[in-house]
Structures are given as structure tokens and as C-alpha cells.
């Protein structure tokens, strides 16, 4: 074979490779994905980025950080976000038709009702200022803990705050209590080491489960189920990576967020992890639907919803099982 012939074949092969890889890139779907800057709200996103799972499943994400779930649901509704992450306290929004749930994350045990030194029980907080991010899992735990103590939200002076404001308000003793979660509780403890944890989510488990979840915009679910399936595939693979090596996932998440590992490590200890295979099985046998139905009952009791949707109408169970 002549040198010119070899060069022609090599050039042809290179052109073919570029055409194939270029075609693969052209097929990558651009999506906008929200996350919350803590361990449970970021870890799967961080793992997907670190392990290059987005490209593997044909996605090209624009990642956007948010402070809580309800704001992400608003962004979904406004069309500025395609997928997001929410804690259990925000799942009343999909239950009211504002978004679709595409996957479960973990069962959270990170929430706390905290109080300043000298307070020992929920009853001690009666009439006092309690900071709480509205519509979050901290809000949910506060209401559950009040109900257990025979009280209502009206029995305290609930002050709506975003999570970072809760930290500063509690540290400066502007509020007597707060409904908040780890790792923010750990941050607050650095300033108020004698704070008291008067209630925790584990107090209500398993009668009350606190699943966090991933959601998508209604229009995406309706018009582009293939992209939803790709997203689910990313989440499943990242989830199984995390459960196989939680310690490594903490390091990956800390690097992604540019924060120390210690607070995230503490947060990582406050959740119940399930493999993707377990979540598929629990979807099939109705366990996940029971979690969501249980939350719906709480949302009705809290006055968030009058008639929540049936979980089958907002959890894309079939896509999760087959995604």
C-alpha cells in the first residue's frame, strides 16, 4: 500500500470518528437542573458531574443552585428550570399539580426543631418566636412536633425565613427556636453550642416518612419523556455510586460545592439510603405511593392542601421502573 493511500485511509477514519463523536454531541439534550447546596440536595448532581454520567446518558446540563425546594417548583412553573430537587416539605407542590416527581432520593432524618438553652420541650416554645423556612421539611417537622405536644402552629410565633436567615437569627438569639436541618444545625452549633434539639425527624419514623425527591416540569414530562428517562438513568447510576461509597460521595460533593467535608459528613449520617433496585421494587409494590399518600395526609392536616392529587397522578412510577 502506498504512503498516500495510507494517509487517505487514516484521514477517512479520522473524519468518520469525528462525524460519530460530533453526532453524539449533537444529540446531547440541553437541560436545566436545580439543586440545593447541602449533601442530600447536591450529592447525586455532584456524582453525575464527577463521573461524567450526564454525557454518558446524552444530557448537557446547566446546573443552578437554589436555597430550597419551593423556589425550584416556582422556577419549573416559570419555564426557567427543567428538573429540580425538593425535600419532603415541598412535595405538597407536586401533589397540587405544580410538577411531576421522577425519582426518590433518600428518606431524610436530618431535620430538627432546635431551641435556645433553657428550653427543654415543645411546650416551652409556646408564644415564642420560631424561625422556619416555609414549605420545607423543617416546617413539616415543626408542625408534627407541635401536634405531638398538643399544640398548633398558631401557638408559637412562626417567623418565615430563608434557611440562611434562620442560621443568623438563631445565632443572634432573635428567635427562641427554629425548624431547620443538618448541616445548618451543625453550623448553628458552632455559634450556639448549648442549643437544645427538642424534636427530630427520627421521632416520627417510620410512621411518618420524609422522602426527598427529584422533580421535573410538567411540560417536559408530557412532551419529552425520553429526556426524563435519560435523567432518571443518571439519577439511578449516581444513587448506586453513592450508596456503595458514602464517604467518597461526601468528598465529591464537598469539592463540587467548594466547602469543607465535615458538615456534609455529619449530614450524610442523617438519612436512610436505598439502592435503585430497592426503589424500583418499592415503586412496584406501592411503598413509594404510601410515602406520598402519608405526606398528603399531613399536608391536608397542616392546611396546605384541601384535595391533593393521588400519587399515581404526579409520581412518574412507570418511567422510574423502566428508566
Protein backbone atom coordinates (compact mmCIF):
# COMPACT_ATOMS: atom_id res chain seq x y z
CA UNK A 1 0.00 0.00 0.00
CA UNK A 2 1.44 3.39 -0.91
CA UNK A 3 2.05 6.09 1.67
CA UNK A 4 -0.54 8.33 0.02
CA UNK A 5 -3.08 5.51 0.19
CA UNK A 6 -2.39 5.01 3.90
CA UNK A 7 -2.78 8.73 4.52
CA UNK A 8 -6.08 8.74 2.67
CA UNK A 9 -7.44 5.84 4.77
CA UNK A 10 -6.18 7.39 8.01
CA UNK A 11 -7.78 10.70 7.12
CA UNK A 12 -11.02 8.95 6.21
CA UNK A 13 -11.03 7.06 9.52
CA UNK A 14 -10.38 10.26 11.47
CA UNK A 15 -13.18 12.01 9.61
CA UNK A 16 -15.52 9.11 10.41
CA UNK A 17 -14.62 9.24 14.11
CA UNK A 18 -15.19 12.97 14.23
CA UNK A 19 -18.52 12.53 12.49
CA UNK A 20 -19.61 9.91 15.01
CA UNK A 21 -18.49 11.83 18.09
CA UNK A 22 -19.78 15.09 16.67
CA UNK A 23 -23.12 13.42 16.02
CA UNK A 24 -23.23 12.13 19.61
CA UNK A 25 -22.59 15.62 20.93
CA UNK A 26 -25.27 17.00 18.63
CA UNK A 27 -27.73 14.54 20.12
CA UNK A 28 -26.99 15.60 23.72
CA UNK A 29 -30.05 17.21 25.20
CA UNK A 30 -29.58 20.55 26.92
CA UNK A 31 -31.38 20.65 30.26
CA UNK A 32 -31.52 22.97 33.27
CA UNK A 33 -31.14 21.22 36.61
CA UNK A 34 -31.63 22.68 40.09
CA UNK A 35 -30.02 21.53 43.31
CA UNK A 36 -29.73 22.64 46.95
CA UNK A 37 -26.25 23.25 48.34
CA UNK A 38 -26.14 20.55 51.01
CA UNK A 39 -25.24 16.87 50.93
CA UNK A 40 -28.61 15.32 50.13
CA UNK A 41 -29.55 18.15 47.79
CA UNK A 42 -26.31 18.05 45.80
CA UNK A 43 -24.65 14.63 46.06
CA UNK A 44 -26.27 12.97 43.03
CA UNK A 45 -25.68 16.06 40.91
CA UNK A 46 -22.06 16.20 42.05
CA UNK A 47 -21.51 12.49 41.40
CA UNK A 48 -23.10 12.75 37.96
CA UNK A 49 -20.69 15.58 37.13
CA UNK A 50 -17.62 13.89 38.63
CA UNK A 51 -18.33 10.54 36.97
CA UNK A 52 -19.38 12.12 33.65
CA UNK A 53 -22.80 10.48 33.81
CA UNK A 54 -24.52 13.40 32.07
CA UNK A 55 -22.64 12.86 28.82
CA UNK A 56 -22.93 9.08 29.19
CA UNK A 57 -26.71 9.38 29.08
CA UNK A 58 -26.85 12.08 26.41
CA UNK A 59 -27.51 15.12 28.58
CA UNK A 60 -25.86 18.54 28.67
CA UNK A 61 -26.92 20.18 31.95
CA UNK A 62 -26.89 23.77 33.08
CA UNK A 63 -26.72 23.42 36.87
CA UNK A 64 -28.41 26.02 39.06
CA UNK A 65 -28.22 26.28 42.85
CA UNK A 66 -31.29 27.13 44.96
CA UNK A 67 -31.89 27.60 48.68
CA UNK A 68 -34.99 25.39 48.90
CA UNK A 69 -37.48 23.24 47.02
CA UNK A 70 -40.46 25.60 46.69
CA UNK A 71 -38.34 28.14 44.79
CA UNK A 72 -37.36 25.40 42.35
CA UNK A 73 -41.01 24.48 41.81
CA UNK A 74 -41.66 28.14 41.02
CA UNK A 75 -38.80 28.08 38.52
CA UNK A 76 -40.25 24.94 36.92
CA UNK A 77 -43.59 26.67 36.58
CA UNK A 78 -41.96 29.76 35.08
CA UNK A 79 -40.19 27.61 32.49
CA UNK A 80 -36.69 28.56 33.66
CA UNK A 81 -35.87 25.10 35.04
CA UNK A 82 -36.46 21.58 33.72
CA UNK A 83 -35.52 19.37 36.69
CA UNK A 84 -35.02 20.02 40.38
CA UNK A 85 -34.58 18.57 43.85
CA UNK A 86 -37.04 19.01 46.72
CA UNK A 87 -37.24 17.91 50.33
CA UNK A 88 -40.37 16.32 51.77
CA UNK A 89 -41.78 19.64 52.91
CA UNK A 90 -42.10 20.83 49.31
CA UNK A 91 -43.80 17.70 47.98
CA UNK A 92 -47.19 19.31 48.53
CA UNK A 93 -46.48 21.29 45.36
CA UNK A 94 -46.32 18.24 43.04
CA UNK A 95 -49.34 16.93 44.96
CA UNK A 96 -51.16 20.09 43.87
CA UNK A 97 -50.16 19.61 40.22
CA UNK A 98 -47.24 22.05 40.09
CA UNK A 99 -44.65 19.47 38.96
CA UNK A 100 -44.04 15.75 38.46
CA UNK A 101 -41.93 13.55 40.74
CA UNK A 102 -39.50 11.45 38.72
CA UNK A 103 -37.40 9.72 41.40
CA UNK A 104 -37.00 9.32 45.14
CA UNK A 105 -33.70 10.32 46.76
CA UNK A 106 -33.38 9.27 50.41
CA UNK A 107 -35.55 9.09 53.48
CA UNK A 108 -34.41 12.09 55.46
CA UNK A 109 -33.63 12.07 59.15
CA UNK A 110 -31.77 15.40 59.20
CA UNK A 111 -34.50 17.77 60.39
CA UNK A 112 -34.63 19.23 63.87
CA UNK A 113 -36.63 21.65 65.97
CA UNK A 114 -33.98 23.46 67.97
CA UNK A 115 -34.32 25.86 70.89
CA UNK A 116 -32.11 28.17 72.85
CA UNK A 117 -30.56 26.98 76.10
CA UNK A 118 -33.14 26.76 78.88
CA UNK A 119 -35.90 25.41 76.64
CA UNK A 120 -36.46 21.68 77.03
CA UNK A 121 -39.74 20.81 75.30
CA UNK A 122 -42.02 21.99 72.52
CA UNK A 123 -44.39 23.32 75.18
CA UNK A 124 -41.64 25.68 76.34
CA UNK A 125 -41.79 27.38 72.94
CA UNK A 126 -45.42 28.41 73.31
CA UNK A 127 -45.81 32.08 72.39
CA UNK A 128 -42.15 32.36 71.38
CA UNK A 129 -40.62 33.33 68.05
CA UNK A 130 -39.68 30.30 65.96
CA UNK A 131 -37.86 30.77 62.68
CA UNK A 132 -38.80 28.40 59.87
CA UNK A 133 -38.38 28.25 56.09
CA UNK A 134 -41.96 27.94 54.89
CA UNK A 135 -42.91 24.85 52.90
CA UNK A 136 -39.76 22.92 53.78
CA UNK A 137 -39.10 19.76 55.76
CA UNK A 138 -38.19 22.00 58.72
CA UNK A 139 -41.69 23.48 58.54
CA UNK A 140 -43.18 20.00 58.38
CA UNK A 141 -41.24 18.73 61.40
CA UNK A 142 -42.16 21.82 63.41
CA UNK A 143 -45.86 21.20 62.77
CA UNK A 144 -45.59 17.48 63.55
CA UNK A 145 -43.73 18.19 66.80
CA UNK A 146 -46.27 20.82 67.83
CA UNK A 147 -49.14 18.41 67.12
CA UNK A 148 -47.45 15.69 69.18
CA UNK A 149 -47.26 18.18 72.05
CA UNK A 150 -50.96 19.02 71.66
CA UNK A 151 -50.24 22.38 70.05
CA UNK A 152 -50.80 24.11 66.72
CA UNK A 153 -48.62 26.37 64.61
CA UNK A 154 -50.65 29.31 65.95
CA UNK A 155 -49.37 28.52 69.46
CA UNK A 156 -45.93 29.83 68.51
CA UNK A 157 -44.96 32.99 66.69
CA UNK A 158 -43.76 31.35 63.49
CA UNK A 159 -41.44 33.70 61.57
CA UNK A 160 -40.95 32.82 57.90
CA UNK A 161 -37.28 32.98 56.95
CA UNK A 162 -35.00 31.53 54.32
CA UNK A 163 -32.54 28.93 55.69
CA UNK A 164 -29.53 31.25 55.90
CA UNK A 165 -31.58 33.82 57.82
CA UNK A 166 -32.64 31.13 60.30
CA UNK A 167 -28.96 30.49 61.00
CA UNK A 168 -28.15 34.13 61.69
CA UNK A 169 -31.38 34.81 63.58
CA UNK A 170 -30.88 31.84 65.91
CA UNK A 171 -27.19 32.60 66.41
CA UNK A 172 -28.02 36.20 67.39
CA UNK A 173 -30.87 34.98 69.62
CA UNK A 174 -33.53 36.86 67.65
CA UNK A 175 -35.63 33.70 67.77
CA UNK A 176 -36.19 31.23 70.59
CA UNK A 177 -36.47 28.24 68.29
CA UNK A 178 -36.25 27.06 64.71
CA UNK A 179 -37.38 24.30 62.38
CA UNK A 180 -34.23 23.56 60.40
CA UNK A 181 -31.96 20.71 59.29
CA UNK A 182 -28.41 19.43 59.17
CA UNK A 183 -25.85 20.59 58.10
CA UNK A 184 -27.27 24.01 59.09
CA UNK A 185 -27.89 22.76 62.64
CA UNK A 186 -24.18 21.95 62.85
CA UNK A 187 -23.35 25.46 61.61
CA UNK A 188 -25.61 26.99 64.25
CA UNK A 189 -23.99 24.83 66.96
CA UNK A 190 -20.66 26.47 66.21
CA UNK A 191 -22.17 29.74 67.45
CA UNK A 192 -24.66 28.35 69.98
CA UNK A 193 -23.08 25.17 71.36
CA UNK A 194 -25.66 24.85 74.15
CA UNK A 195 -28.71 24.80 71.85
CA UNK A 196 -31.28 22.09 72.56
CA UNK A 197 -32.72 19.70 69.98
CA UNK A 198 -36.32 19.42 71.18
CA UNK A 199 -37.56 17.31 68.24
CA UNK A 200 -36.03 15.35 65.38
CA UNK A 201 -37.43 13.62 62.33
CA UNK A 202 -36.42 10.20 63.67
CA UNK A 203 -39.02 10.72 66.44
CA UNK A 204 -41.74 10.25 63.81
CA UNK A 205 -40.19 7.49 61.67
CA UNK A 206 -41.38 5.09 60.28
CA UNK A 207 -45.00 6.17 60.87
CA UNK A 208 -44.06 9.35 59.04
CA UNK A 209 -41.52 9.02 56.25
CA UNK A 210 -39.66 12.02 54.92
CA UNK A 211 -38.56 11.27 51.35
CA UNK A 212 -36.68 13.83 49.33
CA UNK A 213 -37.19 13.61 45.59
CA UNK A 214 -36.36 14.81 42.12
CA UNK A 215 -38.98 16.63 40.08
CA UNK A 216 -39.49 17.87 36.56
CA UNK A 217 -41.51 20.50 34.77
CA UNK A 218 -44.97 19.28 33.73
CA UNK A 219 -44.35 20.24 30.12
CA UNK A 220 -41.14 18.20 29.98
CA UNK A 221 -42.91 15.14 31.37
CA UNK A 222 -45.69 15.48 28.81
CA UNK A 223 -43.71 16.41 25.71
CA UNK A 224 -40.31 14.79 26.23
CA UNK A 225 -40.48 11.54 28.23
CA UNK A 226 -37.25 10.37 26.56
CA UNK A 227 -35.31 13.16 28.26
CA UNK A 228 -36.97 12.29 31.56
CA UNK A 229 -35.83 8.68 31.13
CA UNK A 230 -32.26 9.87 30.50
CA UNK A 231 -32.41 11.96 33.66
CA UNK A 232 -33.72 9.00 35.65
CA UNK A 233 -30.88 6.85 34.29
CA UNK A 234 -28.35 9.44 35.54
CA UNK A 235 -30.01 9.57 38.96
CA UNK A 236 -30.12 5.79 39.32
CA UNK A 237 -26.46 5.36 38.46
CA UNK A 238 -25.38 8.23 40.73
CA UNK A 239 -27.56 6.88 43.54
CA UNK A 240 -25.93 3.45 43.39
CA UNK A 241 -22.46 5.02 43.28
CA UNK A 242 -23.33 6.99 46.42
CA UNK A 243 -24.68 4.08 48.41
CA UNK A 244 -21.65 1.98 47.50
CA UNK A 245 -19.24 4.59 48.93
CA UNK A 246 -20.88 7.31 51.00
CA UNK A 247 -17.52 8.59 52.25
CA UNK A 248 -16.27 9.15 48.72
CA UNK A 249 -19.56 10.78 47.76
CA UNK A 250 -19.11 13.26 50.61
CA UNK A 251 -15.66 14.18 49.26
CA UNK A 252 -17.03 14.59 45.73
CA UNK A 253 -19.90 16.76 46.98
CA UNK A 254 -17.61 18.93 49.12
CA UNK A 255 -15.32 19.50 46.14
CA UNK A 256 -18.29 20.32 43.90
CA UNK A 257 -19.65 22.86 46.41
CA UNK A 258 -16.24 24.18 47.46
CA UNK A 259 -16.95 23.57 51.16
CA UNK A 260 -15.33 21.53 53.98
CA UNK A 261 -16.24 17.85 54.16
CA UNK A 262 -17.06 17.71 57.89
CA UNK A 263 -20.56 19.30 57.84
CA UNK A 264 -21.55 17.20 54.83
CA UNK A 265 -20.26 14.05 56.53
CA UNK A 266 -22.47 14.81 59.51
CA UNK A 267 -25.45 15.38 57.25
CA UNK A 268 -24.75 12.14 55.39
CA UNK A 269 -25.31 10.22 58.63
CA UNK A 270 -28.88 11.53 58.88
CA UNK A 271 -30.57 9.67 56.07
CA UNK A 272 -31.76 6.22 55.10
CA UNK A 273 -30.25 5.15 51.77
CA UNK A 274 -31.93 2.81 49.30
CA UNK A 275 -30.46 1.29 46.15
CA UNK A 276 -32.13 1.99 42.84
CA UNK A 277 -33.23 -1.64 42.68
CA UNK A 278 -34.88 -1.25 46.08
CA UNK A 279 -36.61 1.93 44.95
CA UNK A 280 -37.86 0.17 41.82
CA UNK A 281 -39.25 -2.66 43.96
CA UNK A 282 -40.83 -0.18 46.38
CA UNK A 283 -42.38 1.65 43.45
CA UNK A 284 -43.84 -1.58 42.12
CA UNK A 285 -45.26 -2.75 45.46
CA UNK A 286 -46.80 0.61 46.32
CA UNK A 287 -44.45 1.59 49.16
CA UNK A 288 -43.42 4.85 47.49
CA UNK A 289 -47.07 5.70 46.86
CA UNK A 290 -47.73 5.12 50.58
CA UNK A 291 -44.95 7.55 51.49
CA UNK A 292 -46.51 10.18 49.26
CA UNK A 293 -50.04 9.46 50.49
CA UNK A 294 -48.82 9.82 54.06
CA UNK A 295 -47.33 13.19 53.24
CA UNK A 296 -50.57 14.22 51.54
CA UNK A 297 -52.47 13.50 54.75
CA UNK A 298 -50.05 15.71 56.65
CA UNK A 299 -50.40 18.50 54.09
CA UNK A 300 -54.17 18.38 54.45
CA UNK A 301 -53.85 18.43 58.23
CA UNK A 302 -51.47 21.39 58.04
CA UNK A 303 -53.88 23.29 55.80
CA UNK A 304 -51.52 23.23 52.80
CA UNK A 305 -53.94 21.31 50.58
CA UNK A 306 -57.65 20.53 50.50
CA UNK A 307 -57.66 17.77 47.90
CA UNK A 308 -54.19 16.51 46.99
CA UNK A 309 -53.72 14.50 43.83
CA UNK A 310 -53.34 10.75 44.01
CA UNK A 311 -49.61 9.88 43.89
CA UNK A 312 -50.17 7.98 40.63
CA UNK A 313 -51.06 11.30 39.02
CA UNK A 314 -47.80 13.07 39.87
CA UNK A 315 -45.20 10.34 40.51
CA UNK A 316 -43.96 9.01 37.16
CA UNK A 317 -43.66 5.49 38.53
CA UNK A 318 -43.64 3.69 35.19
CA UNK A 319 -40.82 5.86 33.85
CA UNK A 320 -38.79 5.27 37.02
CA UNK A 321 -39.28 1.50 36.90
CA UNK A 322 -38.37 1.31 33.20
CA UNK A 323 -35.94 4.26 33.00
